[in-house]
Amino acid sequence: MTQISIDEVKQNLSAFLHRVEAGEALVLFKAGKPLAEIKPIISNSHKAPRPFGLCAGEFIVPDDFDNPLPENILAEFEGR
């Protein structure tokens, strides 16, 4: 990982962003101490989407799923 100071980034932000786009990870330093890491986001767009139904049958939605919550649970959510 490349170590750079905040002052270097301020001078030429676009150049450092191009390096990140190219896959390089950067560690920002402030007063000689590491402050943050800037790294590219790995895109999953090249992967095929996951098919539906991978967990079919592993969970059954209960019949009362959409019923209102009991009063005592609602009271706790509302801080009463």
Protein backbone atom coordinates (compact mmCIF):
# COMPACT_ATOMS: atom_id res chain seq x y z
CA MET A 1 0.00 0.00 0.00
CA THR A 2 1.19 3.46 -0.83
CA GLN A 3 1.50 5.87 2.08
CA ILE A 4 0.67 9.51 1.36
CA SER A 5 0.18 12.62 3.43
CA ILE A 6 -2.98 14.67 3.47
CA ASP A 7 -1.02 17.59 2.02
CA GLU A 8 -0.02 15.46 -0.99
CA VAL A 9 -3.64 14.53 -1.59
CA LYS A 10 -4.76 18.15 -1.34
CA GLN A 11 -2.25 19.11 -4.04
CA ASN A 12 -3.45 16.57 -6.60
CA LEU A 13 -6.58 14.69 -5.57
CA SER A 14 -7.54 13.66 -9.09
CA ALA A 15 -4.19 11.92 -9.66
CA PHE A 16 -4.59 9.87 -6.49
CA LEU A 17 -8.18 8.98 -7.39
CA HIS A 18 -6.97 7.72 -10.77
CA ARG A 19 -4.51 5.47 -8.95
CA VAL A 20 -7.33 4.11 -6.78
CA GLU A 21 -9.45 3.51 -9.89
CA ALA A 22 -6.54 1.51 -11.30
CA GLY A 23 -6.69 -0.78 -8.24
CA GLU A 24 -4.15 0.76 -5.89
CA ALA A 25 -4.90 1.12 -2.17
CA LEU A 26 -3.65 4.27 -0.42
CA VAL A 27 -3.06 4.98 3.28
CA LEU A 28 -3.48 8.61 4.28
CA PHE A 29 -1.20 9.96 6.97
CA LYS A 30 -1.69 13.06 9.10
CA ALA A 31 1.22 14.28 11.22
CA GLY A 32 3.01 11.00 10.59
CA LYS A 33 0.14 8.84 11.84
CA PRO A 34 -2.14 6.67 9.68
CA LEU A 35 -5.57 8.26 9.39
CA ALA A 36 -7.52 6.46 6.68
CA GLU A 37 -7.30 3.91 3.92
CA ILE A 38 -8.67 4.58 0.45
CA LYS A 39 -9.13 1.52 -1.70
CA PRO A 40 -11.11 0.62 -4.79
CA ILE A 41 -14.55 -0.90 -4.43
CA ILE A 42 -14.63 -4.36 -5.88
CA SER A 43 -17.58 -4.63 -8.23
CA ASN A 44 -19.60 -7.82 -8.41
CA SER A 45 -21.09 -6.77 -11.73
CA HIS A 46 -18.98 -9.31 -13.60
CA LYS A 47 -20.55 -12.17 -11.63
CA ALA A 48 -23.84 -13.73 -12.59
CA PRO A 49 -26.71 -12.79 -10.28
CA ARG A 50 -27.65 -15.33 -7.63
CA PRO A 51 -30.60 -17.47 -8.64
CA PHE A 52 -33.87 -17.24 -6.74
CA GLY A 53 -34.86 -20.03 -4.39
CA LEU A 54 -31.44 -21.13 -3.12
CA CYS A 55 -32.88 -21.60 0.38
CA ALA A 56 -36.32 -22.83 -0.65
CA GLY A 57 -37.92 -24.89 2.09
CA GLU A 58 -35.41 -23.88 4.78
CA PHE A 59 -37.73 -21.26 6.27
CA ILE A 60 -41.49 -21.17 6.39
CA VAL A 61 -43.22 -17.85 7.06
CA PRO A 62 -45.64 -18.32 9.97
CA ASP A 63 -49.35 -17.69 9.33
CA ASP A 64 -49.40 -14.88 11.93
CA PHE A 65 -46.42 -13.03 10.38
CA ASP A 66 -48.49 -9.98 9.41
CA ASN A 67 -50.56 -9.85 12.61
CA PRO A 68 -50.16 -6.76 14.81
CA LEU A 69 -47.59 -7.05 17.61
CA PRO A 70 -48.84 -7.64 21.16
CA GLU A 71 -49.41 -4.48 23.21
CA ASN A 72 -46.53 -5.18 25.63
CA ILE A 73 -44.00 -5.39 22.75
CA LEU A 74 -45.38 -2.23 21.12
CA ALA A 75 -45.07 -0.44 24.46
CA GLU A 76 -41.39 -1.42 24.72
CA PHE A 77 -40.67 -0.13 21.20
CA GLU A 78 -42.39 3.14 22.05
CA GLY A 79 -40.61 3.49 25.40
CA ARG A 80 -43.77 3.19 27.48
